[in-house]
N, C-alpha and C. Protein backbone atom coordinates (compact mmCIF):
# COMPACT_ATOMS: atom_id res chain seq x y z
N MET A 1 31.94 -29.65 42.51
CA MET A 1 32.59 -28.32 41.92
C MET A 1 31.73 -26.99 42.04
N GLY A 2 32.61 -26.15 42.35
CA GLY A 2 31.94 -24.59 42.25
C GLY A 2 31.91 -24.44 40.61
N LYS A 3 30.99 -22.91 40.89
CA LYS A 3 31.25 -22.13 39.50
C LYS A 3 32.93 -21.55 39.47
N PRO A 4 33.24 -21.18 38.28
CA PRO A 4 34.77 -20.34 38.15
C PRO A 4 34.32 -18.77 38.70
N SER A 5 35.43 -18.51 39.24
CA SER A 5 35.05 -17.01 39.91
C SER A 5 34.53 -16.06 38.67
N GLY A 6 35.33 -16.12 37.72
CA GLY A 6 35.25 -15.02 36.57
C GLY A 6 33.63 -15.06 35.77
N SER A 7 32.97 -15.82 36.10
CA SER A 7 31.58 -16.02 35.56
C SER A 7 30.43 -15.88 36.12
N ARG A 8 30.51 -14.59 36.67
CA ARG A 8 29.34 -14.29 37.74
C ARG A 8 28.44 -13.46 36.78
N GLY A 9 28.54 -12.77 36.23
CA GLY A 9 27.79 -11.68 35.08
C GLY A 9 27.64 -12.20 33.59
N ALA A 10 28.24 -13.33 33.34
CA ALA A 10 28.02 -14.17 32.16
C ALA A 10 26.85 -14.18 31.44
N ILE A 11 25.77 -14.51 32.47
CA ILE A 11 24.27 -14.32 31.68
C ILE A 11 24.20 -13.22 31.33
N TYR A 12 24.55 -12.19 32.02
CA TYR A 12 23.99 -10.56 31.62
C TYR A 12 24.40 -10.34 30.29
N VAL A 13 25.67 -10.68 29.97
CA VAL A 13 26.20 -10.72 28.75
C VAL A 13 25.41 -11.42 28.03
N GLU A 14 25.50 -12.36 28.03
CA GLU A 14 25.06 -13.41 26.69
C GLU A 14 23.21 -12.92 26.53
N TYR A 15 22.61 -12.29 27.85
CA TYR A 15 21.50 -11.99 27.29
C TYR A 15 21.13 -10.76 26.37
N ALA A 16 22.11 -9.76 27.02
CA ALA A 16 22.24 -8.52 25.78
C ALA A 16 22.93 -8.53 24.63
N VAL A 17 23.56 -9.78 24.13
CA VAL A 17 24.02 -10.04 23.00
C VAL A 17 22.89 -10.75 22.29
N ALA A 18 22.04 -11.67 23.01
CA ALA A 18 20.98 -12.15 22.28
C ALA A 18 19.50 -11.25 21.89
N ILE A 19 19.42 -10.61 22.70
CA ILE A 19 18.44 -9.38 22.59
C ILE A 19 17.96 -8.68 21.68
N VAL A 20 19.26 -7.99 21.40
CA VAL A 20 19.45 -6.89 20.41
C VAL A 20 19.09 -7.51 18.85
N PRO A 21 19.81 -8.93 18.77
CA PRO A 21 18.97 -9.07 17.10
C PRO A 21 17.55 -9.54 17.15
N LEU A 22 17.47 -10.06 18.64
CA LEU A 22 15.77 -10.67 18.37
C LEU A 22 14.94 -9.41 18.40
N PHE A 23 15.27 -7.97 19.12
CA PHE A 23 14.51 -7.25 19.17
C PHE A 23 14.32 -6.46 17.42
N VAL A 24 15.53 -6.56 16.62
CA VAL A 24 15.59 -6.06 15.33
C VAL A 24 14.84 -7.05 14.34
N LEU A 25 14.76 -8.26 14.96
CA LEU A 25 13.94 -9.06 13.91
C LEU A 25 12.34 -8.97 14.59
N PHE A 26 12.26 -8.42 15.25
CA PHE A 26 10.64 -8.29 16.02
C PHE A 26 10.07 -7.13 15.04
N TRP A 27 11.08 -6.02 15.51
CA TRP A 27 10.56 -4.86 15.09
C TRP A 27 10.41 -4.90 13.22
N GLY A 28 11.62 -6.04 12.68
CA GLY A 28 11.25 -5.63 11.15
C GLY A 28 10.19 -6.48 10.73
N LEU A 29 9.76 -7.41 11.38
CA LEU A 29 8.21 -8.27 11.05
C LEU A 29 7.16 -7.30 11.63
N LEU A 30 7.02 -6.48 12.28
CA LEU A 30 6.06 -5.56 12.62
C LEU A 30 6.32 -4.76 11.25
N GLN A 31 7.40 -4.14 11.15
CA GLN A 31 7.36 -2.87 9.69
C GLN A 31 6.68 -3.73 8.68
N LEU A 32 6.88 -5.10 8.30
CA LEU A 32 6.73 -5.91 7.19
C LEU A 32 5.46 -5.90 7.31
N ASN A 33 4.79 -6.28 8.43
CA ASN A 33 3.26 -6.40 9.03
C ASN A 33 2.48 -5.37 8.32
N GLY A 34 3.01 -3.68 8.39
CA GLY A 34 2.62 -2.69 8.29
C GLY A 34 2.20 -2.69 7.05
N LEU A 35 3.62 -2.77 6.41
CA LEU A 35 3.57 -2.52 4.56
C LEU A 35 2.75 -3.49 3.97
N LEU A 36 2.58 -4.95 4.25
CA LEU A 36 2.07 -5.58 3.31
C LEU A 36 0.53 -5.47 3.75
N LEU A 37 -0.15 -4.95 4.84
CA LEU A 37 -1.43 -4.38 5.13
C LEU A 37 -1.35 -3.19 4.24
N ALA A 38 -0.71 -2.40 3.92
CA ALA A 38 -0.78 -1.35 3.37
C ALA A 38 -0.88 -1.47 1.48
N ASP A 39 -0.36 -2.48 1.45
CA ASP A 39 -0.40 -3.29 0.38
C ASP A 39 -1.77 -3.68 -0.45
N LEU A 40 -2.69 -4.33 0.86
CA LEU A 40 -3.68 -4.83 0.56
C LEU A 40 -4.59 -3.63 0.63
N VAL A 41 -4.71 -2.78 1.32
CA VAL A 41 -5.41 -1.15 1.14
C VAL A 41 -5.19 -1.18 -0.36
N VAL A 42 -4.10 -0.53 -0.91
CA VAL A 42 -3.92 0.18 -1.90
C VAL A 42 -4.72 -0.81 -3.41
N ARG A 43 -4.56 -1.97 -3.29
CA ARG A 43 -4.91 -3.04 -4.12
C ARG A 43 -6.59 -2.82 -4.03
N ASP A 44 -7.32 -3.05 -2.84
CA ASP A 44 -8.09 -2.61 -2.59
C ASP A 44 -9.12 -1.46 -2.96
N ALA A 45 -8.06 -0.57 -2.87
CA ALA A 45 -8.49 0.80 -3.43
C ALA A 45 -8.59 0.86 -5.16
N ALA A 46 -7.72 0.34 -5.82
CA ALA A 46 -7.21 0.02 -6.84
C ALA A 46 -8.81 -0.63 -7.53
N MET A 47 -9.10 -1.51 -6.96
CA MET A 47 -10.57 -2.30 -7.32
C MET A 47 -11.87 -1.22 -6.89
N LYS A 48 -11.85 -0.48 -5.83
CA LYS A 48 -12.93 0.10 -5.63
C LYS A 48 -12.50 1.26 -6.97
N ALA A 49 -11.92 2.03 -7.26
CA ALA A 49 -11.63 2.77 -8.14
C ALA A 49 -11.83 2.61 -9.95
N VAL A 50 -11.89 1.58 -9.95
CA VAL A 50 -11.98 1.16 -11.42
C VAL A 50 -13.48 0.91 -11.29
N ARG A 51 -14.11 -0.01 -10.38
CA ARG A 51 -15.47 0.19 -10.40
C ARG A 51 -16.37 1.52 -10.36
N ALA A 52 -15.70 2.48 -9.74
CA ALA A 52 -16.40 4.12 -9.45
C ALA A 52 -16.11 4.12 -11.00
N ALA A 53 -15.24 4.29 -11.62
CA ALA A 53 -14.56 4.96 -13.14
C ALA A 53 -15.50 3.98 -13.93
N VAL A 54 -15.98 2.84 -13.85
CA VAL A 54 -17.35 2.27 -14.91
C VAL A 54 -18.06 2.89 -14.43
N VAL A 55 -18.92 2.64 -13.67
CA VAL A 55 -20.40 2.89 -13.23
C VAL A 55 -20.38 4.77 -13.44
N CYS A 56 -19.41 5.73 -13.03
CA CYS A 56 -19.34 7.09 -13.26
C CYS A 56 -19.21 7.27 -14.70
N ASP A 57 -18.28 7.07 -15.63
CA ASP A 57 -18.43 7.03 -17.08
C ASP A 57 -19.49 6.66 -17.65
N SER A 58 -20.38 5.90 -16.95
CA SER A 58 -21.70 5.24 -18.00
C SER A 58 -22.69 6.19 -17.16
N ASP A 59 -22.75 6.66 -16.42
CA ASP A 59 -23.68 8.21 -15.78
C ASP A 59 -23.52 9.36 -16.85
N LYS A 60 -24.81 9.88 -17.25
CA LYS A 60 -24.82 10.39 -18.19
C LYS A 60 -23.79 12.10 -17.65
N GLU A 61 -24.54 12.51 -16.72
CA GLU A 61 -23.77 13.26 -16.12
C GLU A 61 -22.31 13.92 -15.49
N THR A 62 -21.70 12.46 -15.59
CA THR A 62 -20.28 12.23 -15.50
C THR A 62 -19.60 11.54 -16.64
N SER A 63 -19.88 11.52 -17.68
CA SER A 63 -19.15 10.73 -18.44
C SER A 63 -17.98 11.34 -18.86
N GLY A 64 -17.17 10.47 -19.32
CA GLY A 64 -15.92 11.05 -19.93
C GLY A 64 -14.85 10.57 -18.83
N LEU A 65 -13.71 11.09 -19.39
CA LEU A 65 -12.36 10.95 -18.70
C LEU A 65 -12.16 11.58 -17.39
N SER A 66 -12.74 13.17 -17.29
CA SER A 66 -12.70 13.50 -16.00
C SER A 66 -13.95 13.16 -14.82
N GLY A 67 -14.73 12.69 -15.32
CA GLY A 67 -15.71 12.04 -14.21
C GLY A 67 -15.24 10.92 -13.89
N ALA A 68 -14.86 10.29 -14.81
CA ALA A 68 -14.53 8.96 -14.13
C ALA A 68 -13.02 9.03 -13.22
N THR A 69 -12.33 10.01 -13.63
CA THR A 69 -11.04 10.45 -13.02
C THR A 69 -11.67 10.87 -11.45
N GLN A 70 -12.79 11.47 -11.38
CA GLN A 70 -13.09 12.32 -9.81
C GLN A 70 -13.54 11.42 -9.29
N CYS A 71 -14.62 10.18 -9.79
CA CYS A 71 -15.27 9.27 -9.27
C CYS A 71 -13.99 8.33 -8.57
N ALA A 72 -13.27 7.82 -9.32
CA ALA A 72 -12.45 6.93 -9.00
C ALA A 72 -11.45 7.47 -7.76
N GLN A 73 -10.95 9.19 -8.17
CA GLN A 73 -10.13 9.70 -6.78
C GLN A 73 -11.31 9.48 -5.37
N GLU A 74 -12.14 9.75 -5.32
CA GLU A 74 -13.00 9.73 -4.55
C GLU A 74 -13.42 8.30 -3.94
N ALA A 75 -13.36 7.32 -4.22
CA ALA A 75 -13.34 5.78 -3.83
C ALA A 75 -11.93 5.33 -3.26
N VAL A 76 -10.96 5.90 -3.99
CA VAL A 76 -9.39 5.60 -3.06
C VAL A 76 -9.09 6.26 -1.86
N ASP A 77 -9.85 7.61 -1.97
CA ASP A 77 -9.97 8.52 -0.71
C ASP A 77 -10.69 8.28 0.22
N ASP A 78 -11.75 7.34 0.09
CA ASP A 78 -12.70 6.80 1.02
C ASP A 78 -12.08 5.31 1.42
N THR A 79 -11.09 4.64 0.85
CA THR A 79 -10.39 3.65 1.16
C THR A 79 -9.27 3.35 2.01
N VAL A 80 -8.41 4.66 1.57
CA VAL A 80 -7.14 4.72 2.20
C VAL A 80 -7.49 5.65 3.62
N LYS A 81 -8.54 5.84 4.01
CA LYS A 81 -8.91 6.68 5.27
C LYS A 81 -8.79 5.63 6.39
N ALA A 82 -8.63 4.46 5.98
CA ALA A 82 -8.54 3.19 7.13
C ALA A 82 -6.99 3.13 7.82
N LEU A 83 -6.11 3.30 7.09
CA LEU A 83 -4.55 3.03 7.30
C LEU A 83 -3.74 4.52 7.40
N LEU A 84 -3.80 4.69 8.59
CA LEU A 84 -2.95 6.02 8.87
C LEU A 84 -1.42 6.20 8.28
N SER A 85 -0.75 5.25 8.39
CA SER A 85 0.40 5.10 7.95
C SER A 85 0.70 5.39 6.31
N LEU A 86 -0.68 5.15 5.28
CA LEU A 86 -0.66 5.75 4.01
C LEU A 86 -0.96 6.98 3.85
N THR A 87 -0.16 8.20 3.76
CA THR A 87 -0.05 9.34 3.86
C THR A 87 -1.13 9.68 2.83
N SER A 88 -0.92 9.29 1.44
CA SER A 88 -1.84 10.05 0.44
C SER A 88 -1.92 8.60 -0.48
N ALA A 89 -2.72 8.80 -1.13
CA ALA A 89 -3.14 7.79 -2.63
C ALA A 89 -3.60 8.67 -3.99
N GLU A 90 -3.22 8.63 -5.13
CA GLU A 90 -4.03 9.30 -5.92
C GLU A 90 -4.33 8.41 -7.24
N VAL A 91 -5.08 8.33 -7.86
CA VAL A 91 -5.29 7.83 -9.58
C VAL A 91 -4.39 8.52 -10.32
N THR A 92 -3.06 7.65 -10.81
CA THR A 92 -2.26 8.23 -11.66
C THR A 92 -2.59 8.26 -12.89
N ARG A 93 -3.67 7.01 -13.21
CA ARG A 93 -3.85 6.78 -15.06
C ARG A 93 -5.24 6.13 -14.83
N ILE A 94 -6.10 6.61 -15.61
CA ILE A 94 -6.80 5.74 -16.25
C ILE A 94 -7.11 5.90 -17.85
N ASP A 95 -6.93 4.29 -18.21
CA ASP A 95 -6.85 3.80 -19.58
C ASP A 95 -8.63 3.43 -19.95
N GLY A 96 -9.31 4.04 -21.24
CA GLY A 96 -10.12 3.30 -21.63
C GLY A 96 -11.60 3.52 -20.75
N ALA A 97 -11.76 4.42 -20.46
CA ALA A 97 -12.53 4.86 -19.40
C ALA A 97 -13.95 5.87 -20.24
N SER A 98 -13.16 6.52 -21.68
CA SER A 98 -13.81 7.05 -22.23
C SER A 98 -14.21 6.60 -23.34
N SER A 99 -14.08 5.05 -23.64
CA SER A 99 -14.69 4.36 -25.12
C SER A 99 -15.89 3.46 -24.33
N LYS A 100 -16.68 3.34 -24.87
CA LYS A 100 -18.01 2.63 -25.08
C LYS A 100 -17.74 1.05 -25.77
N GLY A 101 -18.42 0.33 -25.41
CA GLY A 101 -18.55 -0.77 -26.01
C GLY A 101 -17.77 -1.74 -24.56
N ASN A 102 -17.38 -2.96 -25.28
CA ASN A 102 -16.69 -3.74 -24.43
C ASN A 102 -15.26 -3.69 -24.13
N GLN A 103 -14.83 -2.64 -23.87
CA GLN A 103 -13.61 -1.94 -23.62
C GLN A 103 -12.95 -2.44 -22.26
N LEU A 104 -11.58 -2.49 -22.05
CA LEU A 104 -11.24 -2.64 -20.76
C LEU A 104 -10.70 -1.45 -20.09
N VAL A 105 -11.43 -1.21 -18.91
CA VAL A 105 -11.01 0.08 -18.06
C VAL A 105 -10.04 0.09 -17.15
N THR A 106 -8.41 0.55 -17.16
CA THR A 106 -7.76 -0.15 -16.44
C THR A 106 -7.58 1.25 -15.44
N VAL A 107 -7.06 1.03 -14.30
CA VAL A 107 -7.01 2.39 -13.32
C VAL A 107 -5.79 2.04 -12.62
N THR A 108 -4.95 2.86 -12.50
CA THR A 108 -3.70 2.61 -11.68
C THR A 108 -3.86 3.42 -10.44
N VAL A 109 -3.46 3.34 -9.04
CA VAL A 109 -3.35 3.91 -7.84
C VAL A 109 -1.73 3.69 -7.35
N VAL A 110 -1.61 4.99 -6.83
CA VAL A 110 -0.04 4.96 -6.38
C VAL A 110 -0.18 5.38 -4.78
N GLY A 111 0.01 4.42 -3.57
CA GLY A 111 -0.22 4.89 -2.57
C GLY A 111 1.29 5.26 -1.69
N HIS A 112 1.63 6.15 -0.94
CA HIS A 112 2.89 6.79 -0.16
C HIS A 112 2.57 6.25 1.27
N TYR A 113 3.31 4.94 1.61
CA TYR A 113 3.16 4.53 2.53
C TYR A 113 4.67 5.14 3.70
N THR A 114 4.22 5.49 4.81
CA THR A 114 5.15 5.91 5.29
C THR A 114 5.78 4.99 6.71
N CYS A 115 7.03 4.52 6.40
CA CYS A 115 7.68 3.61 7.35
C CYS A 115 8.09 3.80 8.53
N GLN A 116 7.47 3.40 9.78
CA GLN A 116 7.37 3.55 10.93
C GLN A 116 8.19 3.22 12.38
N VAL A 117 8.55 1.99 12.14
CA VAL A 117 9.15 1.13 13.03
C VAL A 117 10.77 1.94 12.91
N PRO A 118 11.09 2.08 14.29
CA PRO A 118 12.39 2.75 14.19
C PRO A 118 13.88 1.47 13.98
N LEU A 119 14.84 1.92 13.63
CA LEU A 119 16.01 1.08 13.26
C LEU A 119 15.76 0.22 11.85
N VAL A 120 14.43 -0.27 11.41
CA VAL A 120 14.49 -1.04 10.33
C VAL A 120 13.51 -0.68 9.22
N ALA A 121 12.92 0.60 9.65
CA ALA A 121 11.96 0.88 8.75
C ALA A 121 12.54 1.43 6.93
N SER A 122 13.63 1.74 7.02
CA SER A 122 14.23 2.11 5.95
C SER A 122 14.73 1.11 5.34
N PHE A 123 15.20 0.12 6.04
CA PHE A 123 15.94 -1.36 5.33
C PHE A 123 14.42 -1.93 4.74
N VAL A 124 13.13 -2.15 5.40
CA VAL A 124 12.42 -3.03 5.06
C VAL A 124 11.11 -2.25 4.10
N CYS A 125 11.58 -1.03 3.92
CA CYS A 125 10.91 -0.17 3.01
C CYS A 125 11.78 -0.38 1.76
N GLY A 126 13.12 -0.16 1.69
CA GLY A 126 13.71 -0.24 0.87
C GLY A 126 13.96 -1.82 -0.11
N ALA A 127 13.70 -2.80 0.69
CA ALA A 127 13.67 -4.16 0.23
C ALA A 127 12.49 -4.38 -0.57
N PHE A 128 11.68 -3.72 -0.05
CA PHE A 128 9.95 -4.19 -0.65
C PHE A 128 9.64 -3.54 -1.78
N ARG A 129 10.59 -2.34 -1.94
CA ARG A 129 10.24 -1.69 -3.33
C ARG A 129 11.58 -2.50 -4.19
N GLY A 130 12.65 -3.01 -4.02
CA GLY A 130 13.33 -3.86 -4.59
C GLY A 130 14.39 -2.77 -5.35
N GLU A 131 14.52 -1.66 -5.07
CA GLU A 131 15.54 -0.62 -5.57
C GLU A 131 16.75 -0.17 -4.66
N GLY A 132 16.73 -1.40 -3.43
CA GLY A 132 18.04 -0.60 -2.77
C GLY A 132 18.32 0.45 -2.27
N GLN A 133 16.98 1.66 -2.61
CA GLN A 133 16.88 2.59 -1.93
C GLN A 133 16.80 2.41 0.06
N THR A 134 17.27 3.41 0.12
CA THR A 134 17.10 3.52 1.92
C THR A 134 15.97 4.49 2.71
N ASP A 135 15.56 5.21 2.04
CA ASP A 135 14.51 6.02 2.53
C ASP A 135 13.66 5.51 3.17
N ALA A 136 12.74 6.04 3.85
CA ALA A 136 11.62 5.39 4.79
C ALA A 136 10.54 5.53 4.22
N VAL A 137 9.74 6.14 2.89
CA VAL A 137 8.86 5.92 2.28
C VAL A 137 8.47 4.83 1.12
N ALA A 138 7.81 4.27 1.12
CA ALA A 138 7.72 3.35 -0.07
C ALA A 138 6.20 3.94 -1.14
N ASP A 139 6.95 3.65 -2.23
CA ASP A 139 5.32 4.22 -3.19
C ASP A 139 4.88 2.64 -3.54
N ILE A 140 3.56 2.55 -3.23
CA ILE A 140 3.09 1.27 -3.64
C ILE A 140 2.18 1.39 -4.98
N GLU A 141 2.46 0.90 -5.82
CA GLU A 141 1.87 1.04 -7.18
C GLU A 141 0.97 -0.15 -7.59
N ARG A 142 -0.81 -0.47 -7.51
CA ARG A 142 -1.35 -1.22 -8.06
C ARG A 142 -1.99 -0.89 -9.25
N THR A 143 -2.64 -2.21 -10.17
CA THR A 143 -3.24 -1.83 -11.40
C THR A 143 -4.50 -2.62 -11.09
N ALA A 144 -6.01 -2.03 -11.34
CA ALA A 144 -7.12 -3.06 -11.50
C ALA A 144 -8.05 -2.55 -13.06
N SER A 145 -8.21 -3.83 -13.31
CA SER A 145 -8.95 -3.67 -14.42
C SER A 145 -10.25 -3.97 -14.86
N LEU A 146 -11.25 -3.62 -15.12
CA LEU A 146 -12.87 -4.15 -15.18
C LEU A 146 -13.47 -3.93 -16.83
N PRO A 147 -14.02 -4.83 -17.28
CA PRO A 147 -14.57 -3.90 -18.60
C PRO A 147 -15.65 -2.97 -18.66
N ASN A 148 -15.62 -2.27 -19.27
CA ASN A 148 -16.71 -1.47 -19.50
C ASN A 148 -17.84 -1.77 -20.53
N GLN A 149 -18.93 -2.23 -20.10
CA GLN A 149 -19.95 -2.57 -21.51
C GLN A 149 -20.99 -1.83 -21.94
N GLY A 150 -20.60 -0.52 -21.58
CA GLY A 150 -21.05 0.63 -22.47
C GLY A 150 -22.42 0.74 -22.44
N HIS A 151 -23.05 0.21 -20.91
CA HIS A 151 -24.33 0.61 -20.58
C HIS A 151 -24.39 2.02 -19.60
N PHE A 152 -25.49 2.74 -19.86
CA PHE A 152 -25.85 3.71 -18.74
C PHE A 152 -26.72 3.43 -17.98
N TYR A 153 -26.27 3.44 -16.67
CA TYR A 153 -26.69 2.88 -15.56
C TYR A 153 -27.94 3.84 -14.75
N ASN A 154 -29.01 3.66 -14.63
CA ASN A 154 -30.04 4.77 -13.92
C ASN A 154 -30.06 4.76 -12.52
N PHE A 155 -29.57 5.69 -11.63
CA PHE A 155 -29.78 5.69 -10.55
C PHE A 155 -30.71 6.43 -9.92
């Protein structure tokens, strides 16, 4: 038995129908990978910022909230240079940096991630935030804490 005469181009149609969802799935996984990498970088930036805030606040020349904020922001800036899709990251809040003793110092860092993969960027970034918004920028907020043991470090 031979092939029916109307099925000559059926394989091309099936391929075209199957490849579009596969490309969208692949691009979505690429975007999710970039977003999770940015989340790891912002978490690391928050940890480095809280370490810098504790040490800088313990130094006599940079004591107080302004010195801790400056040192924490420098640590964040140095950390997020590694990822170009993070357009900026800033220290939004420092709690407990000006108190001495065994107080907990908490630093909050917000990184602004630009979703870059076509077709799926707004969907993946909106789903990551959980707000249902569809713009292609995600704000990643992470907090880290360390105790300030009230000791002045000698440099």
